[in-house]
Amino acid sequence: MIAALGDAWFAARTTGAPAALRLRAEQFFLEAGAGAGDVVTRLADAGRAALAAATRDGAGRAAALDLLAADALITLALLATAERDPAALGRAAAQLLKHAGTAIRGVPDDIPPASS
């Protein structure tokens, strides 16, 4: 039942997205698996998988689509966090940033934030 709620949440938030992007993001989300935990965990895991695929596949169109899917999935993970517990958003964003480096070979986990 929880997985169905996560799938329904994902479907509701991706309606209207370009079809190719929605389908690619959905593929990563489904591969993250219903057993991966709550929707935020699934989205974060799917985003890391998409980012890893984008960096593994070179600079072609497929890599561009995977990169867009990674962006969408990580944004959705932040949206799900904000909907559930707005006070946890900053902590969740920091955690996602910290773990994004694990999806990319050779990128350290301690990347400093961009200066404004």
Protein backbone atom coordinates (compact mmCIF):
# COMPACT_ATOMS: atom_id res chain seq x y z
CA MET A 1 0.00 0.00 0.00
CA ILE A 2 2.81 2.42 0.87
CA ALA A 3 4.47 1.75 -2.49
CA ALA A 4 1.20 2.46 -4.28
CA LEU A 5 0.97 5.78 -2.45
CA GLY A 6 4.52 6.62 -3.57
CA ASP A 7 3.71 5.66 -7.14
CA ALA A 8 0.51 7.74 -7.06
CA TRP A 9 2.41 10.69 -5.55
CA PHE A 10 5.02 10.44 -8.32
CA ALA A 11 2.38 10.20 -11.06
CA ALA A 12 0.46 13.19 -9.71
CA ARG A 13 3.59 15.38 -9.54
CA THR A 14 4.89 14.47 -13.00
CA THR A 15 1.68 14.94 -14.97
CA GLY A 16 2.30 17.52 -17.66
CA ALA A 17 6.06 16.98 -17.84
CA PRO A 18 7.50 16.27 -21.30
CA ALA A 19 6.76 12.63 -22.09
CA ALA A 20 10.35 11.51 -22.67
CA LEU A 21 11.52 13.10 -19.42
CA ARG A 22 8.58 11.74 -17.42
CA LEU A 23 9.11 8.22 -18.76
CA ARG A 24 12.87 8.26 -18.09
CA ALA A 25 12.42 9.62 -14.57
CA GLU A 26 9.69 7.05 -13.95
CA GLN A 27 12.01 4.27 -15.10
CA PHE A 28 14.63 5.30 -12.53
CA PHE A 29 11.93 5.72 -9.85
CA LEU A 30 10.52 2.24 -10.50
CA GLU A 31 14.01 0.72 -10.56
CA ALA A 32 14.65 2.30 -7.14
CA GLY A 33 12.00 -0.17 -6.01
CA ALA A 34 9.00 -0.12 -3.77
CA GLY A 35 11.04 -1.79 -1.05
CA ALA A 36 13.50 1.11 -0.92
CA GLY A 37 11.50 2.91 1.76
CA ASP A 38 9.42 6.03 1.66
CA VAL A 39 8.93 8.16 -1.43
CA VAL A 40 11.72 10.59 -0.48
CA THR A 41 14.23 7.74 -0.21
CA ARG A 42 13.07 6.23 -3.50
CA LEU A 43 13.31 9.59 -5.26
CA ALA A 44 16.78 10.29 -3.84
CA ASP A 45 18.01 6.82 -4.82
CA ALA A 46 16.50 7.22 -8.29
CA GLY A 47 18.09 10.65 -8.68
CA ARG A 48 21.52 9.26 -7.78
CA ALA A 49 21.05 6.40 -10.25
CA ALA A 50 20.08 8.84 -13.00
CA LEU A 51 23.08 11.04 -12.22
CA ALA A 52 25.38 8.02 -12.32
CA ALA A 53 23.90 6.98 -15.67
CA ALA A 54 24.34 10.49 -17.07
CA THR A 55 28.02 10.58 -16.17
CA ARG A 56 28.64 7.01 -17.32
CA ASP A 57 27.07 7.36 -20.76
CA GLY A 58 29.16 10.22 -22.14
CA ALA A 59 27.90 13.43 -23.69
CA GLY A 60 25.13 12.15 -25.96
CA ARG A 61 21.40 12.72 -25.96
CA ALA A 62 20.80 9.81 -23.62
CA ALA A 63 23.15 11.33 -21.06
CA ALA A 64 21.35 14.67 -21.36
CA LEU A 65 18.00 13.00 -20.72
CA ASP A 66 19.43 11.13 -17.73
CA LEU A 67 20.81 14.39 -16.35
CA LEU A 68 17.41 16.05 -16.71
CA ALA A 69 15.81 13.04 -15.02
CA ALA A 70 18.31 13.29 -12.14
CA ASP A 71 17.45 16.97 -11.70
CA ALA A 72 13.72 16.21 -11.74
CA LEU A 73 14.01 13.31 -9.28
CA ILE A 74 16.12 15.25 -6.79
CA THR A 75 13.75 18.22 -7.08
CA LEU A 76 10.84 15.86 -6.42
CA ALA A 77 12.65 14.44 -3.37
CA LEU A 78 12.92 17.97 -2.01
CA LEU A 79 9.26 18.66 -2.83
CA ALA A 80 8.16 15.50 -1.01
CA THR A 81 10.24 16.54 2.00
CA ALA A 82 8.76 20.04 1.98
CA GLU A 83 5.23 18.67 1.77
CA ARG A 84 5.84 16.30 4.68
CA ASP A 85 8.02 18.42 6.96
CA PRO A 86 9.00 21.90 5.75
CA ALA A 87 11.40 22.36 8.67
CA ALA A 88 13.44 19.38 7.43
CA LEU A 89 13.99 20.81 3.93
CA GLY A 90 17.41 22.37 4.60
CA ARG A 91 18.71 19.21 6.24
CA ALA A 92 17.35 17.07 3.40
CA ALA A 93 18.96 19.32 0.77
CA ALA A 94 22.32 19.10 2.53
CA GLN A 95 22.02 15.31 2.71
CA LEU A 96 21.16 15.05 -0.99
CA LEU A 97 24.13 17.24 -1.91
CA LYS A 98 26.45 15.19 0.27
CA HIS A 99 25.38 11.93 -1.31
CA ALA A 100 25.22 13.19 -4.90
CA GLY A 101 29.00 12.88 -5.12
CA THR A 102 28.74 9.14 -4.59
CA ALA A 103 26.85 8.89 -7.87
CA ILE A 104 29.70 10.46 -9.78
CA ARG A 105 33.06 8.75 -9.80
CA GLY A 106 35.83 11.07 -8.73
CA VAL A 107 33.65 13.82 -7.28
CA PRO A 108 34.23 14.42 -3.56
CA ASP A 109 31.30 14.46 -1.10
CA ASP A 110 32.45 17.75 0.42
CA ILE A 111 31.84 20.12 -2.47
CA PRO A 112 31.50 23.63 -1.05
CA PRO A 113 28.28 25.51 -1.86
CA ALA A 114 28.35 27.90 -4.80
CA SER A 115 29.11 31.46 -3.83
CA SER A 116 26.54 34.11 -4.59
